[in-house]
């Protein structure tokens, strides 16, 4: 599935804050997460180390510090996925 930047998001997804604005040719990372506070900082740090530009974090109702950790990194854009993770395909309905 291809979603153009600025297009309406599929399903019940909702951008929290500003959407990413990648430069031409820049690689955009996508991470689907639910309660990944223990691992997210390392994953985001590694993504930066290998040259990933903006990162879209699809957060599926995390109840831990996942969003707070994401907020500590530049160019990480949170998308809410408010439906049940258990009934989804890789966190997306």
PDB file of N, CA and C in Angstrom:
ATOM      1  N   UNK A   1       0.846  -1.168   0.000  1.00  0.00           N
ATOM      2  CA  UNK A   1       0.000   0.000   0.000  1.00  0.00           C
ATOM      3  C   UNK A   1       0.892   1.232   0.000  1.00  0.00           C
ATOM      4  N   UNK A   2       0.561   2.189  -0.822  1.00  0.00           N
ATOM      5  CA  UNK A   2       1.276   3.459  -0.876  1.00  0.00           C
ATOM      6  C   UNK A   2       0.348   4.557  -0.388  1.00  0.00           C
ATOM      7  N   UNK A   3       0.828   5.358   0.538  1.00  0.00           N
ATOM      8  CA  UNK A   3       0.060   6.504   1.029  1.00  0.00           C
ATOM      9  C   UNK A   3       0.894   7.743   0.778  1.00  0.00           C
ATOM     10  N   UNK A   4       0.381   8.659  -0.015  1.00  0.00           N
ATOM     11  CA  UNK A   4       1.077   9.912  -0.289  1.00  0.00           C
ATOM     12  C   UNK A   4       1.079  10.774   0.967  1.00  0.00           C
ATOM     13  N   UNK A   5       2.171  11.481   1.215  1.00  0.00           N
ATOM     14  CA  UNK A   5       2.234  12.387   2.352  1.00  0.00           C
ATOM     15  C   UNK A   5       1.119  13.420   2.210  1.00  0.00           C
ATOM     16  N   UNK A   6       0.372  13.623   3.272  1.00  0.00           N
ATOM     17  CA  UNK A   6      -0.721  14.585   3.257  1.00  0.00           C
ATOM     18  C   UNK A   6      -2.052  13.986   2.845  1.00  0.00           C
ATOM     19  N   UNK A   7      -2.051  12.738   2.359  1.00  0.00           N
ATOM     20  CA  UNK A   7      -3.306  12.087   1.977  1.00  0.00           C
ATOM     21  C   UNK A   7      -4.031  11.606   3.230  1.00  0.00           C
ATOM     22  N   UNK A   8      -5.319  11.339   3.073  1.00  0.00           N
ATOM     23  CA  UNK A   8      -6.083  10.784   4.191  1.00  0.00           C
ATOM     24  C   UNK A   8      -5.511   9.416   4.546  1.00  0.00           C
ATOM     25  N   UNK A   9      -5.410   9.130   5.824  1.00  0.00           N
ATOM     26  CA  UNK A   9      -4.862   7.853   6.259  1.00  0.00           C
ATOM     27  C   UNK A   9      -5.931   6.771   6.208  1.00  0.00           C
ATOM     28  N   UNK A  10      -5.521   5.539   5.913  1.00  0.00           N
ATOM     29  CA  UNK A  10      -6.496   4.445   5.874  1.00  0.00           C
ATOM     30  C   UNK A  10      -6.909   4.020   7.276  1.00  0.00           C
ATOM     31  N   UNK A  11      -8.003   3.273   7.320  1.00  0.00           N
ATOM     32  CA  UNK A  11      -8.485   2.671   8.563  1.00  0.00           C
ATOM     33  C   UNK A  11      -8.800   3.762   9.581  1.00  0.00           C
ATOM     34  N   UNK A  12      -8.466   3.546  10.811  1.00  0.00           N
ATOM     35  CA  UNK A  12      -8.757   4.538  11.851  1.00  0.00           C
ATOM     36  C   UNK A  12      -7.481   5.236  12.320  1.00  0.00           C
ATOM     37  N   UNK A  13      -6.444   5.224  11.496  1.00  0.00           N
ATOM     38  CA  UNK A  13      -5.175   5.844  11.869  1.00  0.00           C
ATOM     39  C   UNK A  13      -5.311   7.363  11.932  1.00  0.00           C
ATOM     40  N   UNK A  14      -4.571   7.982  12.870  1.00  0.00           N
ATOM     41  CA  UNK A  14      -4.629   9.433  13.040  1.00  0.00           C
ATOM     42  C   UNK A  14      -3.241   9.957  13.376  1.00  0.00           C
ATOM     43  N   UNK A  15      -2.784  10.954  12.616  1.00  0.00           N
ATOM     44  CA  UNK A  15      -1.482  11.575  12.875  1.00  0.00           C
ATOM     45  C   UNK A  15      -1.589  12.439  14.124  1.00  0.00           C
ATOM     46  N   UNK A  16      -0.617  12.285  15.023  1.00  0.00           N
ATOM     47  CA  UNK A  16      -0.532  13.109  16.226  1.00  0.00           C
ATOM     48  C   UNK A  16       0.540  14.155  15.951  1.00  0.00           C
ATOM     49  N   UNK A  17       0.170  15.407  15.878  1.00  0.00           N
ATOM     50  CA  UNK A  17       1.138  16.455  15.567  1.00  0.00           C
ATOM     51  C   UNK A  17       1.300  16.633  14.069  1.00  0.00           C
ATOM     52  N   UNK A  18       2.452  17.147  13.673  1.00  0.00           N
ATOM     53  CA  UNK A  18       2.709  17.424  12.263  1.00  0.00           C
ATOM     54  C   UNK A  18       3.106  16.161  11.520  1.00  0.00           C
ATOM     55  N   UNK A  19       2.642  15.997  10.273  1.00  0.00           N
ATOM     56  CA  UNK A  19       3.071  14.846   9.477  1.00  0.00           C
ATOM     57  C   UNK A  19       4.518  15.025   9.024  1.00  0.00           C
ATOM     58  N   UNK A  20       5.193  13.930   8.682  1.00  0.00           N
ATOM     59  CA  UNK A  20       6.590  14.035   8.238  1.00  0.00           C
ATOM     60  C   UNK A  20       6.691  14.776   6.914  1.00  0.00           C
ATOM     61  N   UNK A  21       7.809  15.442   6.729  1.00  0.00           N
ATOM     62  CA  UNK A  21       8.099  16.170   5.492  1.00  0.00           C
ATOM     63  C   UNK A  21       9.464  15.716   4.977  1.00  0.00           C
ATOM     64  N   UNK A  22       9.542  14.527   4.372  1.00  0.00           N
ATOM     65  CA  UNK A  22      10.848  14.044   3.909  1.00  0.00           C
ATOM     66  C   UNK A  22      11.369  14.856   2.725  1.00  0.00           C
ATOM     67  N   UNK A  23      12.676  14.971   2.670  1.00  0.00           N
ATOM     68  CA  UNK A  23      13.327  15.610   1.530  1.00  0.00           C
ATOM     69  C   UNK A  23      13.328  14.621   0.367  1.00  0.00           C
ATOM     70  N   UNK A  24      13.414  15.107  -0.877  1.00  0.00           N
ATOM     71  CA  UNK A  24      13.476  14.189  -2.013  1.00  0.00           C
ATOM     72  C   UNK A  24      14.611  13.184  -1.846  1.00  0.00           C
ATOM     73  N   UNK A  25      14.309  11.921  -2.037  1.00  0.00           N
ATOM     74  CA  UNK A  25      15.301  10.860  -1.929  1.00  0.00           C
ATOM     75  C   UNK A  25      15.582  10.383  -0.523  1.00  0.00           C
ATOM     76  N   UNK A  26      14.984  11.007   0.457  1.00  0.00           N
ATOM     77  CA  UNK A  26      15.217  10.632   1.852  1.00  0.00           C
ATOM     78  C   UNK A  26      14.416   9.374   2.202  1.00  0.00           C
ATOM     79  N   UNK A  27      15.028   8.477   2.948  1.00  0.00           N
ATOM     80  CA  UNK A  27      14.367   7.245   3.376  1.00  0.00           C
ATOM     81  C   UNK A  27      13.531   7.532   4.615  1.00  0.00           C
ATOM     82  N   UNK A  28      12.255   7.104   4.578  1.00  0.00           N
ATOM     83  CA  UNK A  28      11.347   7.252   5.713  1.00  0.00           C
ATOM     84  C   UNK A  28      11.207   5.888   6.381  1.00  0.00           C
ATOM     85  N   UNK A  29      11.403   5.846   7.695  1.00  0.00           N
ATOM     86  CA  UNK A  29      11.246   4.603   8.446  1.00  0.00           C
ATOM     87  C   UNK A  29       9.839   4.503   9.017  1.00  0.00           C
ATOM     88  N   UNK A  30       9.361   3.276   9.177  1.00  0.00           N
ATOM     89  CA  UNK A  30       8.057   3.029   9.791  1.00  0.00           C
ATOM     90  C   UNK A  30       8.236   1.967  10.863  1.00  0.00           C
ATOM     91  N   UNK A  31       7.762   2.265  12.063  1.00  0.00           N
ATOM     92  CA  UNK A  31       7.817   1.317  13.178  1.00  0.00           C
ATOM     93  C   UNK A  31       6.408   1.180  13.729  1.00  0.00           C
ATOM     94  N   UNK A  32       5.934  -0.057  13.865  1.00  0.00           N
ATOM     95  CA  UNK A  32       4.652  -0.329  14.513  1.00  0.00           C
ATOM     96  C   UNK A  32       4.972  -0.794  15.926  1.00  0.00           C
ATOM     97  N   UNK A  33       4.364  -0.156  16.926  1.00  0.00           N
ATOM     98  CA  UNK A  33       4.729  -0.454  18.311  1.00  0.00           C
ATOM     99  C   UNK A  33       3.514  -0.507  19.225  1.00  0.00           C
ATOM    100  N   UNK A  34       3.636  -1.331  20.238  1.00  0.00           N
ATOM    101  CA  UNK A  34       2.697  -1.351  21.368  1.00  0.00           C
ATOM    102  C   UNK A  34       3.520  -1.696  22.594  1.00  0.00           C
ATOM    103  N   UNK A  35       3.612  -0.757  23.508  1.00  0.00           N
ATOM    104  CA  UNK A  35       4.370  -0.958  24.752  1.00  0.00           C
ATOM    105  C   UNK A  35       5.802  -1.411  24.479  1.00  0.00           C
ATOM    106  N   UNK A  36       6.517  -0.629  23.695  1.00  0.00           N
ATOM    107  CA  UNK A  36       7.902  -0.953  23.326  1.00  0.00           C
ATOM    108  C   UNK A  36       8.911  -0.021  23.984  1.00  0.00           C
ATOM    109  N   UNK A  37       8.579   0.519  25.142  1.00  0.00           N
ATOM    110  CA  UNK A  37       9.475   1.468  25.811  1.00  0.00           C
ATOM    111  C   UNK A  37      10.863   0.878  26.062  1.00  0.00           C
ATOM    112  N   UNK A  38      10.946  -0.395  26.339  1.00  0.00           N
ATOM    113  CA  UNK A  38      12.250  -1.009  26.632  1.00  0.00           C
ATOM    114  C   UNK A  38      13.159  -1.077  25.412  1.00  0.00           C
ATOM    115  N   UNK A  39      12.594  -1.138  24.220  1.00  0.00           N
ATOM    116  CA  UNK A  39      13.390  -1.324  23.008  1.00  0.00           C
ATOM    117  C   UNK A  39      13.390  -0.133  22.062  1.00  0.00           C
ATOM    118  N   UNK A  40      12.433   0.759  22.200  1.00  0.00           N
ATOM    119  CA  UNK A  40      12.245   1.811  21.206  1.00  0.00           C
ATOM    120  C   UNK A  40      13.434   2.762  21.093  1.00  0.00           C
ATOM    121  N   UNK A  41      14.010   3.177  22.189  1.00  0.00           N
ATOM    122  CA  UNK A  41      15.151   4.092  22.133  1.00  0.00           C
ATOM    123  C   UNK A  41      16.303   3.525  21.323  1.00  0.00           C
ATOM    124  N   UNK A  42      16.606   2.251  21.536  1.00  0.00           N
ATOM    125  CA  UNK A  42      17.686   1.602  20.780  1.00  0.00           C
ATOM    126  C   UNK A  42      17.334   1.508  19.300  1.00  0.00           C
ATOM    127  N   UNK A  43      16.083   1.174  19.001  1.00  0.00           N
ATOM    128  CA  UNK A  43      15.659   1.057  17.601  1.00  0.00           C
ATOM    129  C   UNK A  43      15.735   2.408  16.888  1.00  0.00           C
ATOM    130  N   UNK A  44      15.265   3.456  17.545  1.00  0.00           N
ATOM    131  CA  UNK A  44      15.322   4.789  16.935  1.00  0.00           C
ATOM    132  C   UNK A  44      16.763   5.266  16.776  1.00  0.00           C
ATOM    133  N   UNK A  45      17.592   4.999  17.767  1.00  0.00           N
ATOM    134  CA  UNK A  45      19.003   5.361  17.671  1.00  0.00           C
ATOM    135  C   UNK A  45      19.694   4.658  16.516  1.00  0.00           C
ATOM    136  N   UNK A  46      19.402   3.386  16.333  1.00  0.00           N
ATOM    137  CA  UNK A  46      19.994   2.624  15.226  1.00  0.00           C
ATOM    138  C   UNK A  46      19.489   3.139  13.881  1.00  0.00           C
ATOM    139  N   UNK A  47      18.207   3.471  13.814  1.00  0.00           N
ATOM    140  CA  UNK A  47      17.658   4.024  12.569  1.00  0.00           C
ATOM    141  C   UNK A  47      18.391   5.310  12.194  1.00  0.00           C
ATOM    142  N   UNK A  48      18.660   6.150  13.159  1.00  0.00           N
ATOM    143  CA  UNK A  48      19.406   7.386  12.899  1.00  0.00           C
ATOM    144  C   UNK A  48      20.838   7.072  12.464  1.00  0.00           C
ATOM    145  N   UNK A  49      21.439   6.102  13.132  1.00  0.00           N
ATOM    146  CA  UNK A  49      22.831   5.749  12.825  1.00  0.00           C
ATOM    147  C   UNK A  49      22.991   5.305  11.373  1.00  0.00           C
ATOM    148  N   UNK A  50      22.001   4.589  10.836  1.00  0.00           N
ATOM    149  CA  UNK A  50      22.119   4.088   9.463  1.00  0.00           C
ATOM    150  C   UNK A  50      21.545   5.051   8.427  1.00  0.00           C
ATOM    151  N   UNK A  51      21.114   6.234   8.872  1.00  0.00           N
ATOM    152  CA  UNK A  51      20.722   7.269   7.923  1.00  0.00           C
ATOM    153  C   UNK A  51      19.250   7.376   7.584  1.00  0.00           C
ATOM    154  N   UNK A  52      18.387   6.758   8.374  1.00  0.00           N
ATOM    155  CA  UNK A  52      16.954   6.907   8.141  1.00  0.00           C
ATOM    156  C   UNK A  52      16.562   8.347   8.456  1.00  0.00           C
ATOM    157  N   UNK A  53      15.740   8.943   7.614  1.00  0.00           N
ATOM    158  CA  UNK A  53      15.265  10.318   7.822  1.00  0.00           C
ATOM    159  C   UNK A  53      14.118  10.337   8.810  1.00  0.00           C
ATOM    160  N   UNK A  54      12.979  10.881   8.411  1.00  0.00           N
ATOM    161  CA  UNK A  54      11.847  10.895   9.332  1.00  0.00           C
ATOM    162  C   UNK A  54      11.373   9.473   9.618  1.00  0.00           C
ATOM    163  N   UNK A  55      10.830   9.291  10.800  1.00  0.00           N
ATOM    164  CA  UNK A  55      10.317   7.981  11.201  1.00  0.00           C
ATOM    165  C   UNK A  55       8.861   8.140  11.593  1.00  0.00           C
ATOM    166  N   UNK A  56       8.028   7.262  11.057  1.00  0.00           N
ATOM    167  CA  UNK A  56       6.617   7.219  11.422  1.00  0.00           C
ATOM    168  C   UNK A  56       6.462   6.101  12.440  1.00  0.00           C
ATOM    169  N   UNK A  57       6.025   6.443  13.633  1.00  0.00           N
ATOM    170  CA  UNK A  57       5.784   5.460  14.688  1.00  0.00           C
ATOM    171  C   UNK A  57       4.281   5.242  14.773  1.00  0.00           C
ATOM    172  N   UNK A  58       3.828   4.073  14.374  1.00  0.00           N
ATOM    173  CA  UNK A  58       2.415   3.725  14.498  1.00  0.00           C
ATOM    174  C   UNK A  58       2.245   3.100  15.870  1.00  0.00           C
ATOM    175  N   UNK A  59       1.618   3.855  16.763  1.00  0.00           N
ATOM    176  CA  UNK A  59       1.462   3.429  18.155  1.00  0.00           C
ATOM    177  C   UNK A  59       0.083   2.823  18.365  1.00  0.00           C
ATOM    178  N   UNK A  60       0.064   1.577  18.820  1.00  0.00           N
ATOM    179  CA  UNK A  60      -1.187   0.850  19.010  1.00  0.00           C
ATOM    180  C   UNK A  60      -1.548   0.791  20.481  1.00  0.00           C
ATOM    181  N   UNK A  61      -2.073   1.898  20.995  1.00  0.00           N
ATOM    182  CA  UNK A  61      -2.596   1.972  22.357  1.00  0.00           C
ATOM    183  C   UNK A  61      -1.567   1.643  23.430  1.00  0.00           C
ATOM    184  N   UNK A  62      -0.345   2.102  23.271  1.00  0.00           N
ATOM    185  CA  UNK A  62       0.681   1.847  24.292  1.00  0.00           C
ATOM    186  C   UNK A  62       0.263   2.448  25.627  1.00  0.00           C
ATOM    187  N   UNK A  63       0.568   1.714  26.693  1.00  0.00           N
ATOM    188  CA  UNK A  63       0.265   2.189  28.047  1.00  0.00           C
ATOM    189  C   UNK A  63       1.543   2.439  28.845  1.00  0.00           C
ATOM    190  N   UNK A  64       2.686   2.292  28.193  1.00  0.00           N
ATOM    191  CA  UNK A  64       3.966   2.543  28.853  1.00  0.00           C
ATOM    192  C   UNK A  64       4.527   3.878  28.356  1.00  0.00           C
ATOM    193  N   UNK A  65       5.812   4.049  28.372  1.00  0.00           N
ATOM    194  CA  UNK A  65       6.460   5.309  27.990  1.00  0.00           C
ATOM    195  C   UNK A  65       6.856   5.367  26.515  1.00  0.00           C
ATOM    196  N   UNK A  66       6.254   4.533  25.678  1.00  0.00           N
ATOM    197  CA  UNK A  66       6.599   4.493  24.257  1.00  0.00           C
ATOM    198  C   UNK A  66       6.548   5.879  23.620  1.00  0.00           C
ATOM    199  N   UNK A  67       5.465   6.596  23.800  1.00  0.00           N
ATOM    200  CA  UNK A  67       5.326   7.918  23.167  1.00  0.00           C
ATOM    201  C   UNK A  67       6.292   8.935  23.752  1.00  0.00           C
ATOM    202  N   UNK A  68       6.538   8.877  25.029  1.00  0.00           N
ATOM    203  CA  UNK A  68       7.483   9.811  25.650  1.00  0.00           C
ATOM    204  C   UNK A  68       8.883   9.599  25.083  1.00  0.00           C
ATOM    205  N   UNK A  69       9.258   8.359  24.875  1.00  0.00           N
ATOM    206  CA  UNK A  69      10.573   8.067  24.299  1.00  0.00           C
ATOM    207  C   UNK A  69      10.633   8.577  22.865  1.00  0.00           C
ATOM    208  N   UNK A  70       9.594   8.330  22.095  1.00  0.00           N
ATOM    209  CA  UNK A  70       9.548   8.818  20.711  1.00  0.00           C
ATOM    210  C   UNK A  70       9.666  10.338  20.670  1.00  0.00           C
ATOM    211  N   UNK A  71       9.041  11.021  21.622  1.00  0.00           N
ATOM    212  CA  UNK A  71       9.071  12.486  21.662  1.00  0.00           C
ATOM    213  C   UNK A  71      10.478  13.025  21.903  1.00  0.00           C
ATOM    214  N   UNK A  72      11.365  12.204  22.437  1.00  0.00           N
ATOM    215  CA  UNK A  72      12.736  12.623  22.690  1.00  0.00           C
ATOM    216  C   UNK A  72      13.630  12.580  21.465  1.00  0.00           C
ATOM    217  N   UNK A  73      13.104  12.134  20.338  1.00  0.00           N
ATOM    218  CA  UNK A  73      13.868  12.040  19.094  1.00  0.00           C
ATOM    219  C   UNK A  73      13.301  13.017  18.073  1.00  0.00           C
ATOM    220  N   UNK A  74      14.188  13.713  17.367  1.00  0.00           N
ATOM    221  CA  UNK A  74      13.751  14.602  16.291  1.00  0.00           C
ATOM    222  C   UNK A  74      13.193  13.784  15.137  1.00  0.00           C
ATOM    223  N   UNK A  75      12.207  14.348  14.481  1.00  0.00           N
ATOM    224  CA  UNK A  75      11.644  13.796  13.246  1.00  0.00           C
ATOM    225  C   UNK A  75      11.017  12.415  13.424  1.00  0.00           C
ATOM    226  N   UNK A  76      10.477  12.157  14.604  1.00  0.00           N
ATOM    227  CA  UNK A  76       9.671  10.952  14.823  1.00  0.00           C
ATOM    228  C   UNK A  76       8.229  11.423  14.909  1.00  0.00           C
ATOM    229  N   UNK A  77       7.393  10.896  14.049  1.00  0.00           N
ATOM    230  CA  UNK A  77       6.003  11.328  13.925  1.00  0.00           C
ATOM    231  C   UNK A  77       5.095  10.185  14.357  1.00  0.00           C
ATOM    232  N   UNK A  78       4.254  10.455  15.333  1.00  0.00           N
ATOM    233  CA  UNK A  78       3.382   9.414  15.880  1.00  0.00           C
ATOM    234  C   UNK A  78       2.063   9.387  15.122  1.00  0.00           C
ATOM    235  N   UNK A  79       1.651   8.165  14.790  1.00  0.00           N
ATOM    236  CA  UNK A  79       0.337   7.912  14.211  1.00  0.00           C
ATOM    237  C   UNK A  79      -0.376   6.980  15.173  1.00  0.00           C
ATOM    238  N   UNK A  80      -1.561   7.376  15.611  1.00  0.00           N
ATOM    239  CA  UNK A  80      -2.337   6.529  16.523  1.00  0.00           C
ATOM    240  C   UNK A  80      -3.067   5.454  15.730  1.00  0.00           C
ATOM    241  N   UNK A  81      -3.024   4.246  16.248  1.00  0.00           N
ATOM    242  CA  UNK A  81      -3.816   3.137  15.726  1.00  0.00           C
ATOM    243  C   UNK A  81      -4.697   2.681  16.882  1.00  0.00           C
ATOM    244  N   UNK A  82      -5.885   3.272  17.032  1.00  0.00           N
ATOM    245  CA  UNK A  82      -6.684   3.062  18.233  1.00  0.00           C
ATOM    246  C   UNK A  82      -7.459   1.750  18.297  1.00  0.00           C
ATOM    247  N   UNK A  83      -7.387   0.939  17.275  1.00  0.00           N
ATOM    248  CA  UNK A  83      -8.098  -0.342  17.302  1.00  0.00           C
ATOM    249  C   UNK A  83      -7.281  -1.380  18.064  1.00  0.00           C
ATOM    250  N   UNK A  84      -7.896  -2.482  18.422  1.00  0.00           N
ATOM    251  CA  UNK A  84      -7.237  -3.553  19.172  1.00  0.00           C
ATOM    252  C   UNK A  84      -6.083  -4.167  18.386  1.00  0.00           C
ATOM    253  N   UNK A  85      -4.926  -4.254  19.024  1.00  0.00           N
ATOM    254  CA  UNK A  85      -3.755  -4.874  18.394  1.00  0.00           C
ATOM    255  C   UNK A  85      -3.999  -6.356  18.122  1.00  0.00           C
ATOM    256  N   UNK A  86      -4.684  -7.017  19.044  1.00  0.00           N
ATOM    257  CA  UNK A  86      -4.920  -8.461  18.930  1.00  0.00           C
ATOM    258  C   UNK A  86      -5.696  -8.815  17.667  1.00  0.00           C
ATOM    259  N   UNK A  87      -6.581  -7.954  17.217  1.00  0.00           N
ATOM    260  CA  UNK A  87      -7.387  -8.245  16.040  1.00  0.00           C
ATOM    261  C   UNK A  87      -6.833  -7.646  14.768  1.00  0.00           C
ATOM    262  N   UNK A  88      -5.561  -7.299  14.756  1.00  0.00           N
ATOM    263  CA  UNK A  88      -4.987  -6.599  13.610  1.00  0.00           C
ATOM    264  C   UNK A  88      -3.949  -7.445  12.885  1.00  0.00           C
ATOM    265  N   UNK A  89      -3.492  -6.910  11.769  1.00  0.00           N
ATOM    266  CA  UNK A  89      -2.387  -7.502  11.020  1.00  0.00           C
ATOM    267  C   UNK A  89      -1.185  -6.599  11.260  1.00  0.00           C
ATOM    268  N   UNK A  90      -0.246  -7.059  12.072  1.00  0.00           N
ATOM    269  CA  UNK A  90       0.949  -6.289  12.407  1.00  0.00           C
ATOM    270  C   UNK A  90       0.606  -4.913  12.977  1.00  0.00           C
ATOM    271  N   UNK A  91      -0.450  -4.837  13.770  1.00  0.00           N
ATOM    272  CA  UNK A  91      -0.793  -3.603  14.460  1.00  0.00           C
ATOM    273  C   UNK A  91      -1.670  -2.637  13.702  1.00  0.00           C
ATOM    274  N   UNK A  92      -2.074  -2.991  12.487  1.00  0.00           N
ATOM    275  CA  UNK A  92      -2.905  -2.097  11.678  1.00  0.00           C
ATOM    276  C   UNK A  92      -4.164  -2.831  11.251  1.00  0.00           C
ATOM    277  N   UNK A  93      -5.310  -2.175  11.385  1.00  0.00           N
ATOM    278  CA  UNK A  93      -6.586  -2.756  10.941  1.00  0.00           C
ATOM    279  C   UNK A  93      -6.842  -2.389   9.515  1.00  0.00           C
TER     280      UNK A  93
END
